Amino acid sequence: MLDLNDLIPETAGFVVEVATSINESGQIVGIGQSIYGYYHAFLLTPCSPSPAEEVTFITLAGAAGLPGAIDGKGTQARLYAPCGLSVDGVHNLYVADMGNHTIRKISPGGEVVLLAGLAGQSGHADGLVGEARFNSPEGIAANSGGSVYVADSANHTIRKISPAGVVTTLAGLAESPGSLDGTGSEARFNNPKGIAVDGSGFVWVADFGNHTIRKISPEGKVTTLAGKAGEFGSTDGSLAEVRFYGPYGVAVDKTGNAYVTDSGNSILRKISTNGLVATLAGWPGIPGSIDGPGRAARFWFPAGIAVDDLGNLYVSDSMAGVIRKVFPDGRVITLAGAPHMKPADFSDNGNGDGTGGSARFTWPYGIAVDQNGDIMVADSLNHTVRRSLPTCPDKPVIDAKRSAVGAHRQLDIDPPTATSWLWSIVRRPNGSTAELSSANVRNPTFIPDVADVYVFQLCATNTDGAVCIRRLELKVSGSTAIMATPHPELREGRFTLSLVTTSFSTYVLERKNSLSETNWTTIVTLSGDGTVKTLTDAMADGPQRFYRVRVESW
């Protein structure tokens, strides 16, 4: 009998009991139990790992930890819990600034302006953009004609901003949640989240509170496309049979297929043009953050979703704090961010520009991709909007990832494609004053002066303008020096020293023939285990020797 816990890492989804076997095709089949108490049948096909693809993210607008409602350029602007994002054909980015109850617009040059609503004033009013009011807008979508559609979540309505700057209510009735189909104000929604516009002008809505996907015709007629209001689940099948659990985001590709982040189930669903709904990636009810093919992958409350012209999906995996990419064949990889998988910490996963795992997001929500393949992310609880940059392959390396105080360390990059470098120390121990030999060379040196953890950041740029922002960690332990000329423990050309060791420590006996020598020579290395250990130099002949024992704690 196989144990699924041996096959999938702990973060895969809290599987606690498994009965499995291998079928004739080499696939793993069985039943697993999640922490929710439900049993799930599963089928896993062994496969090769997905290729790595790291993306560099920088802050496009706003400042982490500083919510506000200030217009301005880049990091001078202030946002408040931005949610939905949508980019138009000329690279303007539209933001549903939920905490401010407004709609913002970011120009290609990074200038942030107020498009509609009034910061700090929630409500429901149609009219010119300055007169309109919204209540916690979350979803947003721009069409090719210059109109912008908004899921005005707390008002339970769908709004439209015309190219002339007039806001109208397309469907639903303010402050009247429900699930009725109908035209315009006859229809009812329940906390609509994601919104998308297809090539035919139909508006798709992820009706979160109803667990359904709705569709609005260009004339304003609302129909329930998939799912059943008030019934949640994870059933695949026809539009009438399918069940969702709190769908958050929706995106439509150029052929008319729709993709849904079924957030409560922590899976991605595909609504094909033939009217069938299937789980594209993830396993219902088993959250996690694992890359892999289709159902072997794991998500943790995915929220925003976008699709590019090649059919690749981009997903903001909100509670995991990462950005994922899903290929048309269902393979899932992580582009940026570092998953934490601790429920108590999801609201504070950190912030920081960076490449791949060096980047940090806290509740990434809306996501958009433009015609050039650039990715924009609403880093909601950091109150910022982030964007991707072309990424160079350079990675920081060091001659030893563990060191003693006072040891010379050599940093470098591999592979060396960049032509400019900026090194910095982004974390250092209290009391440390050590600095890099240079911040602007490829291979600086560093001498740690205090035991603890140092984190270095490299920002490198190559001749094509590609950038990487990656980090490197150095663990430094204190060193205990034992300086001695031959003494009573020198016997018959052997130097011995006995120590009471501790677990999780390494003891290194080093020697110099003269204090004027630059480097120490390692004689022997032993791992501590709480017992007495003897360090021996069997070749201790000569007029004098100087010894020290370096203690490294992990």
Protein backbone atom coordinates (compact mmCIF):
# COMPACT_ATOMS: atom_id res chain seq x y z
CA MET A 1 0.00 0.00 0.00
CA LEU A 2 1.27 3.47 -0.88
CA ASP A 3 1.09 6.53 1.33
CA LEU A 4 0.17 9.69 -0.55
CA ASN A 5 2.02 11.71 2.07
CA ASP A 6 5.23 10.17 0.71
CA LEU A 7 4.33 11.29 -2.80
CA ILE A 8 3.07 14.83 -2.23
CA PRO A 9 4.69 17.44 0.05
CA GLU A 10 2.98 18.50 3.27
CA THR A 11 1.68 21.69 1.69
CA ALA A 12 -0.28 19.72 -0.89
CA GLY A 13 -3.45 19.81 1.11
CA PHE A 14 -3.40 18.16 4.50
CA VAL A 15 -4.05 14.56 3.39
CA VAL A 16 -4.24 12.48 6.56
CA GLU A 17 -5.36 9.04 5.39
CA VAL A 18 -4.78 7.34 2.07
CA ALA A 19 -5.43 3.97 0.54
CA THR A 20 -3.79 3.66 -2.86
CA SER A 21 -2.65 1.28 -5.56
CA ILE A 22 -1.03 1.49 -8.97
CA ASN A 23 -3.02 0.56 -12.04
CA GLU A 24 -1.76 -1.06 -15.24
CA SER A 25 -0.95 2.35 -16.74
CA GLY A 26 1.33 3.26 -13.85
CA GLN A 27 -1.16 5.78 -12.48
CA ILE A 28 -1.72 6.15 -8.74
CA VAL A 29 -5.36 5.68 -7.79
CA GLY A 30 -7.01 5.76 -4.39
CA ILE A 31 -9.00 7.64 -1.77
CA GLY A 32 -7.70 10.42 0.48
CA GLN A 33 -9.21 12.27 3.42
CA SER A 34 -8.79 16.03 3.86
CA ILE A 35 -8.88 18.01 7.09
CA TYR A 36 -12.46 18.88 6.24
CA GLY A 37 -13.43 15.24 6.80
CA TYR A 38 -14.39 14.56 3.17
CA TYR A 39 -13.03 11.63 1.20
CA HIS A 40 -11.89 12.22 -2.37
CA ALA A 41 -11.01 9.77 -5.10
CA PHE A 42 -7.84 10.74 -6.91
CA LEU A 43 -5.83 9.74 -9.95
CA LEU A 44 -2.23 10.88 -10.27
CA THR A 45 -0.04 10.36 -13.33
CA PRO A 46 3.71 10.53 -12.67
CA CYS A 47 5.32 13.13 -14.90
CA SER A 48 8.42 15.24 -15.32
CA PRO A 49 8.57 18.50 -13.34
CA SER A 50 7.38 21.64 -15.10
CA PRO A 51 10.17 23.94 -16.30
CA ALA A 52 11.06 26.87 -14.07
CA GLU A 53 10.06 30.34 -15.26
CA GLU A 54 10.80 33.24 -12.96
CA VAL A 55 9.39 36.73 -13.43
CA THR A 56 10.64 40.00 -11.96
CA PHE A 57 8.01 42.24 -10.33
CA ILE A 58 8.42 45.88 -9.37
CA THR A 59 6.00 48.39 -7.84
CA LEU A 60 4.09 50.31 -10.51
CA ALA A 61 1.91 52.45 -8.22
CA GLY A 62 1.33 53.01 -4.53
CA ALA A 63 3.54 52.41 -1.50
CA ALA A 64 3.45 49.23 0.58
CA GLY A 65 1.79 49.72 3.95
CA LEU A 66 0.61 53.23 3.13
CA PRO A 67 -3.07 53.23 2.09
CA GLY A 68 -4.51 56.46 0.76
CA ALA A 69 -6.25 58.22 -2.12
CA ILE A 70 -3.54 60.40 -3.67
CA ASP A 71 -3.14 60.79 -7.42
CA GLY A 72 0.39 61.01 -8.73
CA LYS A 73 3.11 59.12 -10.53
CA GLY A 74 4.24 55.68 -9.50
CA THR A 75 5.08 55.28 -5.85
CA GLN A 76 3.95 58.84 -5.10
CA ALA A 77 0.34 57.76 -5.60
CA ARG A 78 -1.67 56.08 -2.88
CA LEU A 79 -4.25 53.30 -3.23
CA TYR A 80 -6.43 51.56 -0.67
CA ALA A 81 -6.87 47.78 -1.04
CA PRO A 82 -6.93 47.71 -4.87
CA CYS A 83 -8.76 44.68 -6.25
CA GLY A 84 -9.69 44.23 -9.90
CA LEU A 85 -7.40 45.20 -12.79
CA SER A 86 -7.99 45.52 -16.53
CA VAL A 87 -5.76 46.82 -19.32
CA ASP A 88 -7.04 48.35 -22.56
CA GLY A 89 -5.59 48.25 -26.07
CA VAL A 90 -3.37 51.31 -25.53
CA HIS A 91 -1.92 50.06 -22.23
CA ASN A 92 -4.02 52.11 -19.84
CA LEU A 93 -4.62 50.15 -16.64
CA TYR A 94 -7.95 50.42 -14.78
CA VAL A 95 -8.09 49.69 -11.05
CA ALA A 96 -11.07 48.92 -8.83
CA ASP A 97 -9.80 50.77 -5.75
CA MET A 98 -12.07 48.96 -3.33
CA GLY A 99 -11.08 50.64 -0.07
CA ASN A 100 -11.55 54.09 -1.57
CA HIS A 101 -14.84 53.17 -3.34
CA THR A 102 -13.39 54.56 -6.57
CA ILE A 103 -12.14 53.64 -10.00
CA ARG A 104 -8.58 54.69 -10.80
CA LYS A 105 -6.67 54.81 -14.08
CA ILE A 106 -2.92 54.35 -14.54
CA SER A 107 -1.41 55.66 -17.78
CA PRO A 108 1.39 53.80 -19.63
CA GLY A 109 3.76 56.31 -18.05
CA GLY A 110 2.64 55.36 -14.53
CA GLU A 111 0.48 58.39 -13.77
CA VAL A 112 -2.41 57.52 -11.42
CA VAL A 113 -5.62 59.54 -11.70
CA LEU A 114 -9.16 59.26 -10.34
CA LEU A 115 -11.54 58.09 -13.07
CA ALA A 116 -14.86 57.83 -11.20
CA GLY A 117 -16.29 58.07 -7.70
CA LEU A 118 -15.12 60.02 -4.67
CA ALA A 119 -12.56 58.63 -2.23
CA GLY A 120 -14.00 57.79 1.15
CA GLN A 121 -17.63 58.12 0.07
CA SER A 122 -19.49 54.89 -0.57
CA GLY A 123 -22.90 54.89 -2.16
CA HIS A 124 -24.77 54.25 -5.36
CA ALA A 125 -25.27 57.08 -7.81
CA ASP A 126 -25.16 57.18 -11.59
CA GLY A 127 -24.11 60.23 -13.57
CA LEU A 128 -20.92 61.90 -14.64
CA VAL A 129 -17.76 60.29 -13.27
CA GLY A 130 -17.40 62.97 -10.60
CA GLU A 131 -20.97 62.49 -9.42
CA ALA A 132 -21.01 58.68 -9.47
CA ARG A 133 -20.66 56.66 -6.29
CA PHE A 134 -19.58 53.06 -5.76
CA ASN A 135 -19.55 50.73 -2.78
CA SER A 136 -16.49 48.48 -2.53
CA PRO A 137 -15.99 47.82 -6.26
CA GLU A 138 -13.95 44.66 -6.82
CA GLY A 139 -14.09 43.55 -10.47
CA ILE A 140 -13.29 45.63 -13.54
CA ALA A 141 -13.08 45.01 -17.29
CA ALA A 142 -12.36 47.32 -20.22
CA ASN A 143 -13.64 46.51 -23.71
CA SER A 144 -12.20 47.40 -27.09
CA GLY A 145 -14.61 50.32 -27.51
CA GLY A 146 -13.37 52.25 -24.50
CA SER A 147 -16.12 51.31 -22.06
CA VAL A 148 -15.27 50.05 -18.57
CA TYR A 149 -17.46 47.61 -16.64
CA VAL A 150 -17.38 47.38 -12.85
CA ALA A 151 -18.58 44.72 -10.42
CA ASP A 152 -19.85 47.07 -7.70
CA SER A 153 -19.74 44.33 -5.12
CA ALA A 154 -21.35 45.78 -1.99
CA ASN A 155 -24.08 47.39 -4.12
CA HIS A 156 -24.75 44.01 -5.81
CA THR A 157 -24.77 45.70 -9.21
CA ILE A 158 -22.86 45.84 -12.49
CA ARG A 159 -21.91 49.35 -13.59
CA LYS A 160 -20.71 50.77 -16.89
CA ILE A 161 -18.46 53.79 -17.49
CA SER A 162 -18.84 55.06 -21.05
CA PRO A 163 -15.99 56.59 -23.07
CA ALA A 164 -17.76 59.93 -22.55
CA GLY A 165 -17.38 59.59 -18.76
CA VAL A 166 -20.97 58.71 -17.85
CA VAL A 167 -21.63 56.03 -15.23
CA THR A 168 -24.80 53.91 -15.51
CA THR A 169 -26.09 50.76 -13.82
CA LEU A 170 -26.08 48.00 -16.42
CA ALA A 171 -27.75 45.32 -14.29
CA GLY A 172 -28.94 44.71 -10.75
CA LEU A 173 -30.52 46.95 -8.14
CA ALA A 174 -28.43 48.71 -5.50
CA GLU A 175 -28.56 47.23 -2.01
CA SER A 176 -30.87 44.44 -3.25
CA PRO A 177 -29.00 41.14 -3.30
CA GLY A 178 -30.59 38.17 -5.00
CA SER A 179 -30.26 35.72 -7.86
CA LEU A 180 -32.99 36.66 -10.34
CA ASP A 181 -32.34 36.68 -14.05
CA GLY A 182 -33.83 39.49 -16.08
CA THR A 183 -33.06 42.72 -17.91
CA GLY A 184 -31.34 45.65 -16.24
CA SER A 185 -32.69 46.42 -12.77
CA GLU A 186 -34.92 43.31 -12.84
CA ALA A 187 -31.84 41.13 -12.33
CA ARG A 188 -30.26 40.50 -8.96
CA PHE A 189 -26.68 39.66 -7.95
CA ASN A 190 -25.12 38.67 -4.64
CA ASN A 191 -21.70 40.19 -4.06
CA PRO A 192 -20.37 39.93 -7.63
CA LYS A 193 -16.57 39.75 -7.80
CA GLY A 194 -14.78 39.09 -11.09
CA ILE A 195 -15.94 40.46 -14.41
CA ALA A 196 -14.84 40.02 -18.04
CA VAL A 197 -15.97 41.11 -21.51
CA ASP A 198 -15.75 38.72 -24.47
CA GLY A 199 -15.24 39.50 -28.14
CA SER A 200 -18.99 39.61 -28.79
CA GLY A 201 -19.65 42.23 -26.12
CA PHE A 202 -21.13 39.87 -23.52
CA VAL A 203 -20.20 40.58 -19.92
CA TRP A 204 -19.32 37.60 -17.72
CA VAL A 205 -19.74 37.86 -13.95
CA ALA A 206 -18.45 35.65 -11.14
CA ASP A 207 -21.45 35.94 -8.80
CA PHE A 208 -19.61 35.02 -5.64
CA GLY A 209 -22.50 34.96 -3.16
CA ASN A 210 -24.72 32.92 -5.44
CA HIS A 211 -21.98 30.42 -6.43
CA THR A 212 -22.82 30.98 -10.08
CA ILE A 213 -21.48 32.40 -13.33
CA ARG A 214 -23.76 34.98 -14.92
CA LYS A 215 -23.75 36.44 -18.42
CA ILE A 216 -25.07 39.83 -19.55
CA SER A 217 -25.95 40.50 -23.18
CA PRO A 218 -25.04 43.82 -24.82
CA GLU A 219 -28.71 44.78 -24.33
CA GLY A 220 -28.47 44.18 -20.57
CA LYS A 221 -30.25 40.83 -20.31
CA VAL A 222 -28.88 38.73 -17.45
CA THR A 223 -28.91 34.93 -17.48
CA THR A 224 -27.40 32.35 -15.16
CA LEU A 225 -24.93 30.50 -17.35
CA ALA A 226 -23.51 27.89 -14.97
CA GLY A 227 -24.15 26.70 -11.44
CA LYS A 228 -27.25 26.98 -9.29
CA ALA A 229 -27.89 29.88 -6.93
CA GLY A 230 -27.57 28.93 -3.28
CA GLU A 231 -26.00 25.53 -3.99
CA PHE A 232 -22.24 25.21 -3.68
CA GLY A 233 -20.08 22.25 -4.62
CA SER A 234 -17.40 21.09 -7.04
CA THR A 235 -19.31 18.96 -9.55
CA ASP A 236 -18.14 19.11 -13.17
CA GLY A 237 -20.44 18.51 -16.11
CA SER A 238 -23.02 20.43 -18.07
CA LEU A 239 -23.89 24.06 -17.32
CA ALA A 240 -26.93 22.93 -15.34
CA GLU A 241 -25.11 20.18 -13.44
CA VAL A 242 -21.99 22.09 -12.47
CA ARG A 243 -21.53 23.55 -8.99
CA PHE A 244 -19.12 26.27 -7.82
CA TYR A 245 -18.07 27.41 -4.37
CA GLY A 246 -17.54 31.17 -4.16
CA PRO A 247 -16.19 31.92 -7.66
CA TYR A 248 -13.97 35.01 -7.56
CA GLY A 249 -12.47 35.68 -10.99
CA VAL A 250 -13.41 35.05 -14.61
CA ALA A 251 -11.54 35.46 -17.90
CA VAL A 252 -12.52 34.69 -21.49
CA ASP A 253 -10.08 33.72 -24.25
CA LYS A 254 -10.31 34.77 -27.89
CA THR A 255 -12.16 31.59 -28.89
CA GLY A 256 -14.89 32.04 -26.26
CA ASN A 257 -13.75 29.61 -23.58
CA ALA A 258 -14.09 30.99 -20.05
CA TYR A 259 -11.92 30.31 -17.02
CA VAL A 260 -13.01 30.68 -13.41
CA THR A 261 -11.11 30.85 -10.13
CA ASP A 262 -13.37 28.67 -8.01
CA SER A 263 -11.91 30.12 -4.85
CA GLY A 264 -13.81 28.24 -2.16
CA ASN A 265 -12.78 24.99 -3.81
CA SER A 266 -9.21 26.23 -4.44
CA ILE A 267 -9.37 25.09 -8.06
CA LEU A 268 -9.54 26.49 -11.59
CA ARG A 269 -12.49 25.63 -13.83
CA LYS A 270 -12.91 25.84 -17.59
CA ILE A 271 -16.23 26.53 -19.29
CA SER A 272 -15.84 25.31 -22.87
CA THR A 273 -17.78 26.66 -25.80
CA ASN A 274 -19.53 23.27 -26.03
CA GLY A 275 -21.23 23.96 -22.68
CA LEU A 276 -19.19 21.59 -20.53
CA VAL A 277 -17.43 22.64 -17.32
CA ALA A 278 -14.29 20.83 -16.16
CA THR A 279 -11.71 21.26 -13.42
CA LEU A 280 -8.58 22.48 -15.16
CA ALA A 281 -6.16 22.48 -12.23
CA GLY A 282 -6.13 21.84 -8.50
CA TRP A 283 -8.14 19.45 -6.34
CA PRO A 284 -11.41 20.61 -4.73
CA GLY A 285 -11.25 21.08 -0.99
CA ILE A 286 -7.51 20.44 -0.78
CA PRO A 287 -5.69 23.80 -0.69
CA GLY A 288 -1.95 24.10 -1.12
CA SER A 289 0.74 25.67 -3.27
CA ILE A 290 2.24 23.01 -5.51
CA ASP A 291 3.28 23.22 -9.14
CA GLY A 292 2.51 20.35 -11.47
CA PRO A 293 0.11 19.07 -14.11
CA GLY A 294 -3.61 19.70 -13.81
CA ARG A 295 -5.12 18.15 -10.72
CA ALA A 296 -1.73 17.39 -9.20
CA ALA A 297 -1.26 21.15 -8.73
CA ARG A 298 -2.57 22.93 -5.66
CA PHE A 299 -3.94 26.45 -5.14
CA TRP A 300 -4.97 28.28 -1.99
CA PHE A 301 -7.95 30.56 -2.62
CA PRO A 302 -7.09 31.74 -6.13
CA ALA A 303 -8.73 35.10 -6.87
CA GLY A 304 -7.80 36.98 -10.03
CA ILE A 305 -7.33 35.36 -13.43
CA ALA A 306 -6.25 36.62 -16.85
CA VAL A 307 -5.59 34.96 -20.20
CA ASP A 308 -3.13 35.94 -22.93
CA ASP A 309 -3.43 35.54 -26.69
CA LEU A 310 -1.65 32.16 -26.55
CA GLY A 311 -4.14 30.72 -24.08
CA ASN A 312 -1.85 30.89 -21.06
CA LEU A 313 -3.58 31.73 -17.79
CA TYR A 314 -2.19 33.96 -15.04
CA VAL A 315 -3.59 33.51 -11.54
CA SER A 316 -3.18 35.48 -8.32
CA ASP A 317 -3.10 32.71 -5.71
CA SER A 318 -4.21 34.99 -2.94
CA MET A 319 -3.85 33.18 0.37
CA ALA A 320 -0.59 31.55 -0.74
CA GLY A 321 0.76 34.96 -1.77
CA VAL A 322 2.10 33.84 -5.16
CA ILE A 323 1.52 34.43 -8.87
CA ARG A 324 0.93 31.30 -10.95
CA LYS A 325 0.93 30.51 -14.66
CA VAL A 326 -1.17 27.76 -16.21
CA PHE A 327 -0.26 26.51 -19.68
CA PRO A 328 -2.98 25.42 -22.13
CA ASP A 329 -2.23 21.78 -21.32
CA GLY A 330 -2.94 22.41 -17.62
CA ARG A 331 0.63 22.53 -16.31
CA VAL A 332 0.98 24.95 -13.39
CA ILE A 333 4.14 26.82 -12.39
CA THR A 334 4.87 29.60 -9.89
CA LEU A 335 6.17 32.80 -11.47
CA ALA A 336 6.81 34.90 -8.36
CA GLY A 337 6.29 35.01 -4.63
CA ALA A 338 6.97 32.56 -1.83
CA PRO A 339 4.08 30.50 -0.42
CA HIS A 340 3.80 30.42 3.37
CA MET A 341 0.83 28.07 3.86
CA LYS A 342 0.11 29.33 7.37
CA PRO A 343 -3.55 30.38 7.70
CA ALA A 344 -2.80 32.90 10.45
CA ASP A 345 -0.23 34.68 8.29
CA PHE A 346 -1.98 35.12 4.95
CA SER A 347 -2.69 38.78 5.64
CA ASP A 348 0.98 39.59 6.19
CA ASN A 349 3.06 37.67 3.68
CA GLY A 350 5.40 40.62 3.22
CA ASN A 351 6.09 42.98 0.38
CA GLY A 352 9.04 43.48 -1.87
CA ASP A 353 10.08 43.79 -5.48
CA GLY A 354 12.05 40.86 -6.73
CA THR A 355 12.53 38.00 -9.15
CA GLY A 356 10.74 34.70 -8.65
CA GLY A 357 10.80 33.60 -5.04
CA SER A 358 12.48 36.84 -3.95
CA ALA A 359 9.28 38.82 -4.63
CA ARG A 360 6.64 39.13 -1.92
CA PHE A 361 2.89 39.73 -2.14
CA THR A 362 0.17 40.01 0.50
CA TRP A 363 -3.24 38.95 -0.79
CA PRO A 364 -2.62 39.49 -4.51
CA TYR A 365 -6.07 39.89 -6.05
CA GLY A 366 -6.64 41.38 -9.51
CA ILE A 367 -4.35 40.38 -12.36
CA ALA A 368 -4.09 41.52 -15.97
CA VAL A 369 -1.83 40.78 -18.93
CA ASP A 370 -1.31 43.12 -21.90
CA GLN A 371 -0.54 42.45 -25.55
CA ASN A 372 3.19 42.40 -24.84
CA GLY A 373 2.84 39.73 -22.17
CA ASP A 374 3.49 42.15 -19.30
CA ILE A 375 1.68 41.14 -16.11
CA MET A 376 0.06 43.55 -13.66
CA VAL A 377 -1.03 42.49 -10.16
CA ALA A 378 -3.13 44.27 -7.54
CA ASP A 379 -1.19 43.54 -4.34
CA SER A 380 -4.27 44.30 -2.33
CA LEU A 381 -3.22 44.29 1.32
CA ASN A 382 0.05 46.04 0.44
CA HIS A 383 -2.06 48.78 -1.25
CA THR A 384 0.05 48.65 -4.40
CA VAL A 385 -0.08 47.65 -8.03
CA ARG A 386 2.88 45.62 -9.26
CA ARG A 387 4.09 44.95 -12.78
CA SER A 388 6.45 42.47 -14.42
CA LEU A 389 9.69 43.22 -16.21
CA PRO A 390 11.73 41.17 -18.68
CA THR A 391 13.98 39.01 -16.51
CA CYS A 392 17.67 38.23 -16.94
CA PRO A 393 19.03 34.87 -15.70
CA ASP A 394 21.73 36.23 -13.36
CA LYS A 395 21.60 34.83 -9.82
CA PRO A 396 23.68 35.85 -6.80
CA VAL A 397 26.08 33.20 -5.49
CA ILE A 398 28.55 33.08 -2.62
CA ASP A 399 31.61 30.91 -1.95
CA ALA A 400 30.06 29.60 1.30
CA LYS A 401 26.49 29.96 2.55
CA ARG A 402 27.63 29.47 6.15
CA SER A 403 30.49 31.39 7.64
CA ALA A 404 32.25 32.41 10.82
CA VAL A 405 32.56 35.95 12.05
CA GLY A 406 35.60 37.60 10.47
CA ALA A 407 35.83 35.23 7.50
CA HIS A 408 36.22 36.70 4.01
CA ARG A 409 33.30 35.82 1.76
CA GLN A 410 33.21 36.25 -2.01
CA LEU A 411 29.95 37.11 -3.78
CA ASP A 412 29.39 36.79 -7.52
CA ILE A 413 26.69 36.10 -10.12
CA ASP A 414 25.96 33.06 -12.25
CA PRO A 415 25.47 33.10 -15.17
CA PRO A 416 27.17 36.49 -15.68
CA THR A 417 25.06 38.15 -18.39
CA ALA A 418 24.45 41.51 -16.71
CA THR A 419 26.47 44.64 -17.41
CA SER A 420 25.44 46.67 -14.37
CA TRP A 421 24.97 45.59 -10.78
CA LEU A 422 23.61 47.03 -7.57
CA TRP A 423 24.26 45.04 -4.41
CA SER A 424 22.72 45.89 -1.05
CA ILE A 425 22.33 44.39 2.41
CA VAL A 426 18.60 44.16 3.10
CA ARG A 427 18.93 42.34 6.43
CA ARG A 428 21.74 42.45 8.95
CA PRO A 429 22.12 41.51 12.64
CA ASN A 430 21.77 44.12 15.34
CA GLY A 431 25.09 45.81 15.97
CA SER A 432 26.60 44.91 12.61
CA THR A 433 28.45 47.63 10.70
CA ALA A 434 29.98 45.39 8.04
CA GLU A 435 29.64 46.56 4.45
CA LEU A 436 30.22 45.10 1.01
CA SER A 437 33.53 46.00 -0.58
CA SER A 438 31.57 47.64 -3.39
CA ALA A 439 27.91 47.91 -4.34
CA ASN A 440 28.48 48.34 -8.07
CA VAL A 441 30.81 45.54 -9.13
CA ARG A 442 29.96 42.03 -10.21
CA ASN A 443 31.83 40.25 -7.42
CA PRO A 444 32.14 42.17 -4.14
CA THR A 445 33.61 40.71 -0.97
CA PHE A 446 32.14 40.77 2.52
CA ILE A 447 33.45 40.17 6.04
CA PRO A 448 30.65 39.53 8.58
CA ASP A 449 31.23 41.10 11.98
CA VAL A 450 28.27 39.76 14.01
CA ALA A 451 26.85 36.26 14.19
CA ASP A 452 23.35 35.88 12.73
CA VAL A 453 21.74 36.01 9.27
CA TYR A 454 22.64 38.48 6.52
CA VAL A 455 20.52 38.87 3.38
CA PHE A 456 22.02 40.43 0.27
CA GLN A 457 20.01 41.72 -2.67
CA LEU A 458 21.28 41.90 -6.23
CA CYS A 459 19.64 44.11 -8.84
CA ALA A 460 21.28 43.37 -12.19
CA THR A 461 20.54 44.64 -15.70
CA ASN A 462 21.85 43.35 -19.02
CA THR A 463 22.32 45.08 -22.37
CA ASP A 464 18.77 44.14 -23.47
CA GLY A 465 17.30 45.96 -20.48
CA ALA A 466 16.26 42.73 -18.76
CA VAL A 467 16.36 42.98 -14.96
CA CYS A 468 16.67 40.56 -12.08
CA ILE A 469 16.16 41.30 -8.39
CA ARG A 470 17.24 38.31 -6.34
CA ARG A 471 18.33 37.67 -2.78
CA LEU A 472 20.98 35.56 -1.13
CA GLU A 473 21.25 34.50 2.51
CA LEU A 474 24.44 34.09 4.55
CA LYS A 475 24.29 32.38 7.94
CA VAL A 476 27.07 33.45 10.27
CA SER A 477 28.01 31.75 13.53
CA GLY A 478 30.25 33.00 16.29
CA SER A 479 33.73 31.54 16.47
CA THR A 480 35.62 30.40 19.55
CA ALA A 481 39.37 30.87 19.14
CA ILE A 482 41.78 28.71 21.09
CA MET A 483 45.26 30.11 20.55
CA ALA A 484 48.07 27.96 21.97
CA THR A 485 51.70 27.05 21.52
CA PRO A 486 52.43 23.39 22.22
CA HIS A 487 51.26 22.67 25.73
CA PRO A 488 50.69 19.67 27.99
CA GLU A 489 48.10 18.24 25.59
CA LEU A 490 50.77 17.88 22.94
CA ARG A 491 51.94 14.29 23.11
CA GLU A 492 54.18 12.49 20.65
CA GLY A 493 53.45 14.89 17.81
CA ARG A 494 49.68 14.84 18.37
CA PHE A 495 47.57 17.80 19.51
CA THR A 496 44.28 16.87 21.19
CA LEU A 497 41.45 18.88 22.63
CA SER A 498 38.26 17.58 24.25
CA LEU A 499 35.03 19.60 24.21
CA VAL A 500 31.50 19.10 25.48
CA THR A 501 29.55 19.49 22.24
CA THR A 502 25.97 20.54 21.60
CA SER A 503 23.55 19.24 19.04
CA PHE A 504 23.06 21.15 15.78
CA SER A 505 26.61 22.53 15.96
CA THR A 506 29.75 21.77 13.98
CA TYR A 507 33.26 22.03 15.46
CA VAL A 508 36.16 22.82 13.17
CA LEU A 509 39.79 22.52 14.39
CA GLU A 510 42.00 24.93 12.47
CA ARG A 511 45.75 25.55 12.55
CA LYS A 512 48.36 28.16 11.68
CA ASN A 513 52.11 27.75 11.82
CA SER A 514 52.48 31.52 12.33
CA LEU A 515 50.10 34.28 13.31
CA SER A 516 51.36 36.25 10.32
CA GLU A 517 49.76 33.73 7.96
CA THR A 518 46.53 34.96 6.35
CA ASN A 519 44.49 31.78 6.31
CA TRP A 520 43.75 29.04 8.80
CA THR A 521 44.12 25.40 7.71
CA THR A 522 41.25 23.05 8.55
CA ILE A 523 42.48 19.92 10.32
CA VAL A 524 39.26 18.13 11.28
CA THR A 525 35.50 18.76 11.37
CA LEU A 526 33.09 17.05 13.77
CA SER A 527 29.33 17.30 14.33
CA GLY A 528 28.13 17.88 17.87
CA ASP A 529 25.63 15.58 19.54
CA GLY A 530 25.70 16.54 23.22
CA THR A 531 28.65 14.29 24.10
CA VAL A 532 32.35 14.90 24.65
CA LYS A 533 34.28 15.00 21.37
CA THR A 534 38.03 14.99 20.90
CA LEU A 535 39.63 17.03 18.14
CA THR A 536 43.04 15.80 17.07
CA ASP A 537 45.88 17.06 14.90
CA ALA A 538 48.05 14.01 14.30
CA MET A 539 50.77 16.02 12.55
CA ALA A 540 51.57 18.55 15.28
CA ASP A 541 55.33 18.44 14.97
CA GLY A 542 57.39 21.59 14.47
CA PRO A 543 58.63 24.45 16.61
CA GLN A 544 55.20 26.06 17.14
CA ARG A 545 51.58 25.74 16.24
CA PHE A 546 48.53 27.97 16.76
CA TYR A 547 45.10 26.40 17.00
CA ARG A 548 41.51 27.56 17.13
CA VAL A 549 38.16 25.79 17.20
CA ARG A 550 35.41 27.37 15.13
CA VAL A 551 31.87 26.55 16.28
CA GLU A 552 29.09 26.78 13.71
CA SER A 553 25.48 26.50 14.86
CA TRP A 554 22.72 25.72 12.35
